[in-house]
Protein backbone atom coordinates (compact mmCIF):
# COMPACT_ATOMS: atom_id res chain seq x y z
CA MET A 1 -34.71 7.23 33.83
CA ASN A 2 -32.80 4.48 32.11
CA PRO A 3 -29.33 5.88 31.32
CA CYS A 4 -28.88 3.25 28.60
CA ALA A 5 -31.90 4.48 26.65
CA GLY A 6 -29.77 6.54 24.26
CA GLY A 7 -28.15 9.94 23.89
CA HIS A 8 -31.30 11.65 22.61
CA ARG A 9 -33.23 10.72 25.75
CA LEU A 10 -30.34 11.67 28.03
CA GLY A 11 -30.26 15.11 26.45
CA ARG A 12 -34.02 15.49 26.71
CA VAL A 13 -34.03 14.58 30.41
CA ALA A 14 -31.23 17.08 31.05
CA ARG A 15 -33.21 19.83 29.29
CA PHE A 16 -36.34 18.88 31.22
CA ALA A 17 -34.43 19.12 34.51
CA HIS A 18 -33.29 22.59 33.40
CA PHE A 19 -36.92 23.64 32.86
CA LEU A 20 -37.81 22.40 36.34
CA ARG A 21 -34.94 24.33 37.91
CA GLN A 22 -36.02 27.44 36.02
CA ALA A 23 -39.43 26.99 37.69
CA GLY A 24 -37.73 27.12 41.08
CA LEU A 25 -37.68 23.39 41.86
CA ASP A 26 -34.84 21.26 43.22
CA VAL A 27 -34.20 18.27 40.95
CA GLU A 28 -32.36 14.99 41.37
CA ILE A 29 -32.05 12.55 38.45
CA GLY A 30 -32.12 8.87 39.38
CA HIS A 31 -30.58 6.36 36.95
CA THR A 32 -31.94 2.82 36.87
CA ARG A 33 -29.40 0.00 36.71
CA PHE A 34 -31.60 -3.09 36.35
CA ARG A 35 -35.17 -4.17 35.74
CA ALA A 36 -37.59 -2.91 38.42
CA HIS A 37 -34.88 -0.65 39.90
CA ALA A 38 -37.26 2.28 39.23
CA THR A 39 -39.55 0.80 41.91
CA ASP A 40 -36.76 0.92 44.49
CA LEU A 41 -35.77 4.47 43.53
CA ALA A 42 -39.39 5.67 43.65
CA ARG A 43 -39.92 4.09 47.07
CA ILE A 44 -36.83 5.82 48.46
CA ALA A 45 -37.83 9.15 46.91
CA ALA A 46 -41.39 8.91 48.27
CA GLN A 47 -39.96 8.54 51.78
CA THR A 48 -37.57 11.48 51.41
CA PRO A 49 -38.65 14.62 53.32
CA GLY A 50 -39.53 17.45 50.97
CA CYS A 51 -40.13 15.28 47.89
CA THR A 52 -43.31 16.49 46.19
CA HIS A 53 -43.10 14.86 42.74
CA ILE A 54 -41.51 11.78 41.21
CA VAL A 55 -41.08 11.90 37.43
CA ALA A 56 -41.27 8.69 35.42
CA ALA A 57 -39.12 9.39 32.34
CA GLY A 58 -40.00 6.57 29.96
CA GLY A 59 -42.97 4.59 28.71
CA ASP A 60 -45.84 2.72 30.33
CA GLY A 61 -43.58 -0.02 31.70
CA THR A 62 -41.41 2.56 33.48
CA ILE A 63 -44.53 4.31 34.80
CA ALA A 64 -45.80 1.02 36.23
CA GLU A 65 -42.48 0.39 37.97
CA VAL A 66 -42.49 3.87 39.49
CA ALA A 67 -46.14 3.48 40.53
CA GLN A 68 -45.25 0.28 42.35
CA GLY A 69 -42.84 2.22 44.54
CA MET A 70 -44.88 5.34 45.24
CA ALA A 71 -48.61 4.52 45.00
CA GLY A 72 -50.44 5.58 48.14
CA SER A 73 -47.70 8.03 49.17
CA GLY A 74 -48.12 11.77 49.44
CA CYS A 75 -46.06 12.34 46.29
CA ILE A 76 -47.44 13.16 42.87
CA MET A 77 -46.22 11.26 39.81
CA ALA A 78 -45.30 13.27 36.74
CA ILE A 79 -44.75 11.70 33.34
CA LEU A 80 -42.06 12.60 30.83
CA PRO A 81 -43.18 10.43 27.88
CA LEU A 82 -40.12 8.77 26.35
CA GLY A 83 -41.56 5.32 25.59
CA THR A 84 -42.56 3.48 22.46
CA ALA A 85 -46.32 4.09 22.65
CA ASN A 86 -46.83 6.33 25.73
CA VAL A 87 -50.40 5.11 26.08
CA LEU A 88 -51.12 6.49 29.56
CA ALA A 89 -49.79 9.94 28.64
CA ARG A 90 -52.12 10.00 25.63
CA GLU A 91 -54.97 8.59 27.72
CA LEU A 92 -54.69 11.44 30.23
CA ALA A 93 -54.07 14.06 27.50
CA LEU A 94 -50.71 14.94 29.04
CA PRO A 95 -48.47 17.31 27.07
CA PHE A 96 -45.53 16.08 25.04
CA ASP A 97 -44.05 19.58 25.41
CA ASP A 98 -41.39 19.31 28.13
CA ALA A 99 -41.45 22.98 29.12
CA ARG A 100 -45.21 22.80 29.61
CA THR A 101 -44.86 19.62 31.65
CA ALA A 102 -42.41 21.43 33.92
CA ARG A 103 -44.89 24.28 34.39
CA ILE A 104 -47.64 21.78 35.27
CA ILE A 105 -45.42 20.21 37.93
CA ALA A 106 -44.59 23.62 39.39
CA ALA A 107 -48.30 24.51 39.53
CA GLY A 108 -49.01 21.39 41.62
CA GLY A 109 -52.26 20.21 39.99
CA SER A 110 -53.09 16.50 40.00
CA ARG A 111 -55.79 13.89 39.46
CA THR A 112 -56.21 10.49 41.08
CA ILE A 113 -56.20 7.21 39.19
CA TRP A 114 -56.55 3.65 40.47
CA PRO A 115 -53.91 1.26 39.07
CA GLY A 116 -54.62 -2.41 38.56
CA ARG A 117 -52.83 -5.21 40.38
CA LEU A 118 -51.65 -8.32 38.58
CA ARG A 119 -50.78 -11.46 40.54
CA SER A 120 -49.53 -14.72 39.10
CA SER A 121 -47.07 -17.44 40.06
CA THR A 122 -44.25 -15.37 38.53
CA TRP A 123 -45.32 -11.75 39.05
CA ASP A 124 -47.01 -9.54 41.65
CA GLY A 125 -47.18 -5.88 40.75
CA LEU A 126 -49.17 -2.88 39.54
CA PHE A 127 -50.10 -1.89 36.03
CA VAL A 128 -51.39 1.47 34.86
CA GLN A 129 -52.89 0.76 31.44
CA MET A 130 -53.66 -2.86 30.62
CA VAL A 131 -52.94 -6.58 30.85
CA GLY A 132 -53.06 -8.82 27.80
CA VAL A 133 -53.39 -12.60 27.87
CA GLY A 134 -53.08 -14.77 24.78
CA PHE A 135 -52.05 -13.56 21.34
CA ASP A 136 -51.02 -9.97 22.09
CA ALA A 137 -49.00 -11.19 25.08
CA HIS A 138 -47.32 -13.77 22.84
CA VAL A 139 -46.27 -10.91 20.53
CA VAL A 140 -44.80 -8.98 23.49
CA HIS A 141 -42.96 -12.07 24.75
CA CYS A 142 -41.39 -12.56 21.31
CA VAL A 143 -40.47 -8.95 20.44
CA SER A 144 -36.76 -8.15 20.31
CA THR A 145 -35.77 -5.42 22.78
CA ARG A 146 -32.93 -4.41 20.48
CA LEU A 147 -35.32 -4.09 17.53
CA LYS A 148 -37.79 -2.21 19.73
CA SER A 149 -35.08 0.33 20.61
CA ALA A 150 -34.16 0.68 16.94
CA ILE A 151 -37.57 1.00 15.24
CA GLY A 152 -40.07 1.59 18.05
CA ARG A 153 -43.63 0.36 17.54
CA MET A 154 -42.76 -1.27 14.23
CA ALA A 155 -40.93 -3.95 16.24
CA TYR A 156 -44.32 -5.22 17.38
CA VAL A 157 -45.49 -5.45 13.77
CA VAL A 158 -42.42 -7.54 12.93
CA SER A 159 -43.01 -9.76 15.97
CA MET A 160 -46.68 -10.16 15.12
CA SER A 161 -45.96 -11.48 11.63
CA GLY A 162 -43.98 -14.35 13.12
CA ALA A 163 -46.40 -14.87 16.01
CA LEU A 164 -49.32 -15.37 13.62
CA ARG A 165 -47.57 -18.42 12.20
CA ARG A 166 -46.57 -19.92 15.55
CA TYR A 167 -49.35 -19.19 18.03
CA GLY A 168 -51.96 -21.92 18.48
CA PHE A 169 -54.80 -19.81 19.99
CA PRO A 170 -55.68 -22.20 22.85
CA ALA A 171 -59.00 -21.58 24.58
CA MET A 172 -58.97 -20.02 28.04
CA THR A 173 -61.48 -19.46 30.83
CA VAL A 174 -61.81 -15.83 31.91
CA MET A 175 -63.74 -15.15 35.11
CA VAL A 176 -65.12 -11.59 35.24
CA ASP A 177 -66.58 -10.88 38.69
CA GLY A 178 -67.22 -14.60 39.07
CA VAL A 179 -68.85 -15.19 35.65
CA ALA A 180 -66.99 -17.56 33.29
CA HIS A 181 -66.32 -16.76 29.62
CA GLU A 182 -64.58 -19.05 27.12
CA VAL A 183 -62.31 -17.06 24.79
CA VAL A 184 -58.95 -17.23 22.99
CA SER A 185 -57.51 -13.86 24.06
CA ALA A 186 -58.33 -11.15 26.57
CA ILE A 187 -57.25 -7.59 27.32
CA ILE A 188 -58.05 -6.17 30.74
CA SER A 189 -57.72 -2.41 30.48
CA LYS A 190 -57.82 0.61 32.77
CA GLY A 191 -57.77 2.90 29.76
CA ALA A 192 -59.62 3.30 26.50
CA ARG A 193 -56.53 3.27 24.26
CA TYR A 194 -54.17 0.59 23.00
CA GLY A 195 -50.77 0.89 21.33
CA GLY A 196 -50.85 4.69 21.49
CA LYS A 197 -53.79 6.46 19.88
CA TYR A 198 -55.99 3.47 18.93
CA VAL A 199 -59.35 3.08 20.66
CA LEU A 200 -59.67 -0.29 22.42
CA ALA A 201 -62.61 0.28 24.80
CA PRO A 202 -65.52 2.72 24.87
CA HIS A 203 -64.58 4.31 28.20
CA SER A 204 -61.49 5.05 30.27
CA MET A 205 -61.61 3.50 33.74
CA GLN A 206 -58.56 5.32 35.10
CA GLY A 207 -60.55 7.18 37.72
CA GLU A 208 -62.74 4.19 38.64
CA LYS A 209 -62.21 1.04 40.67
CA ARG A 210 -62.95 -1.30 37.76
CA PHE A 211 -61.71 -2.38 34.32
CA CYS A 212 -62.90 -2.71 30.75
CA VAL A 213 -62.49 -6.38 29.78
CA VAL A 214 -62.20 -7.01 26.03
CA LEU A 215 -62.75 -10.66 25.15
CA PHE A 216 -61.84 -12.22 21.78
CA HIS A 217 -63.78 -15.34 20.82
CA ALA A 218 -62.49 -16.07 17.30
CA ALA A 219 -59.15 -17.80 16.66
CA GLY A 220 -56.78 -17.78 13.71
CA ILE A 221 -54.94 -15.41 11.41
CA GLY A 222 -58.10 -14.07 9.80
CA ALA A 223 -59.65 -13.20 13.16
CA VAL A 224 -56.51 -11.36 14.27
CA LEU A 225 -56.32 -9.38 11.04
CA ARG A 226 -60.01 -8.42 11.23
CA ALA A 227 -59.65 -7.34 14.86
CA GLY A 228 -56.49 -5.38 14.05
CA LEU A 229 -58.19 -3.56 11.17
CA ALA A 230 -61.19 -2.77 13.39
CA LEU A 231 -58.81 -1.40 16.04
CA LEU A 232 -57.12 0.87 13.50
CA ARG A 233 -60.52 2.16 12.37
CA GLY A 234 -61.84 2.64 15.91
CA HIS A 235 -64.55 -0.02 15.48
CA LEU A 236 -63.22 -2.84 17.66
CA VAL A 237 -66.08 -2.73 20.17
CA ARG A 238 -68.50 -3.43 17.28
CA GLN A 239 -66.42 -6.23 15.76
CA LYS A 240 -68.10 -9.63 15.51
CA GLY A 241 -66.49 -12.08 17.93
CA VAL A 242 -65.48 -9.34 20.38
CA THR A 243 -67.23 -8.78 23.73
CA VAL A 244 -66.60 -5.78 25.99
CA LEU A 245 -67.49 -6.04 29.69
CA THR A 246 -66.70 -4.11 32.86
CA GLY A 247 -65.60 -5.66 36.12
CA ALA A 248 -63.55 -5.21 39.28
CA ARG A 249 -61.92 -8.65 39.45
CA VAL A 250 -60.66 -10.91 36.67
CA GLU A 251 -59.25 -14.41 37.10
CA ILE A 252 -57.84 -16.75 34.46
CA PRO A 253 -57.44 -20.14 36.13
CA ALA A 254 -57.05 -22.31 33.04
CA PRO A 255 -55.23 -23.37 31.04
CA PRO A 256 -51.83 -22.78 32.65
CA ALA A 257 -48.75 -21.36 30.89
CA LEU A 258 -50.50 -18.88 28.57
CA PRO A 259 -48.35 -15.76 28.01
CA VAL A 260 -49.17 -12.59 29.95
CA GLN A 261 -48.08 -8.99 29.39
CA SER A 262 -48.80 -5.76 31.25
CA ASP A 263 -48.11 -2.24 29.99
CA GLY A 264 -46.09 -3.68 27.12
CA ASP A 265 -43.73 -5.86 29.18
CA ALA A 266 -43.74 -9.67 29.46
CA ARG A 267 -45.14 -10.74 32.85
CA GLY A 268 -44.93 -14.51 32.89
CA PHE A 269 -47.81 -16.90 32.40
CA THR A 270 -51.24 -17.92 33.64
CA PRO A 271 -52.95 -18.65 36.00
CA LEU A 272 -53.49 -15.10 37.24
CA CYS A 273 -55.72 -12.79 39.26
CA ILE A 274 -56.32 -9.12 38.50
CA ASP A 275 -57.99 -6.59 40.76
CA ILE A 276 -57.75 -2.91 41.70
CA SER A 277 -54.91 -1.70 43.89
CA ASP A 278 -56.00 -0.33 47.24
CA GLN A 279 -53.38 2.43 46.83
CA PRO A 280 -54.34 5.26 44.45
CA LEU A 281 -51.88 7.19 42.33
CA ARG A 282 -51.87 10.96 41.89
CA ILE A 283 -50.79 12.15 38.43
CA ALA A 284 -49.60 15.68 37.66
CA VAL A 285 -52.06 17.36 35.29
CA ALA A 286 -52.89 20.92 34.35
CA SER A 287 -55.14 22.68 36.83
CA THR A 288 -58.64 23.51 35.63
CA GLY A 289 -58.54 26.57 33.44
CA GLY A 290 -54.81 26.65 32.84
CA GLY A 291 -51.45 24.92 32.59
């Protein structure tokens, strides 16, 4: 966990550790000190004899960092959802009840998912939910971390209002399994949800070795507002100017220097290549028939 995330989260993690100890488990809390430190801590934990579970206490960005360090190991990841949107936790129908999460960990049930891998000139790492290129990534690049800590998801709404005035919607070439598409924005998703509970794609691909690729063809403020309204209503896949594909490899070779985000964190700029990690990730879930 991030010890600078605030007193409320510190107290919640301490209570969660108490629930785990009540279930008969030994617990060690690791505090991150810098960006991507969770990856280092997870890698060390995964190599520690007797470690069965590694808990990512945070949001989707923290989960991705932990996955980077432990994917392919014999350990199971558990999720204590403390983030802004907690998309993966909602995607997998994980409980937001900490005592129940502790019981699930103690029971030992899990399911396997296949994270995505994002590679660019400035980033090489895993993601668990989605990558955005274009307008939504521009919003993430511009959002204030201080404002995000203060008002949560509303910080993205504030950032978006300014981004609508500044972003130029340049065209990009998106290669999906070798087929070129000309669009202005793209979201490459392992899951079906976006921003929390909102339905982005018709199917979750978490258990499959492929993605849903949502392509946006229309530029401008009006197009963004129409797409946003369709997302809120659960109709995005039927929106005019939106194409939904599936694929196992996505490349965006041109133009360069378009903003990129993954799991809600800024990840540099295009060009990029996205494929499926060859190291699966086991997630703690309730066993069939209980939990």
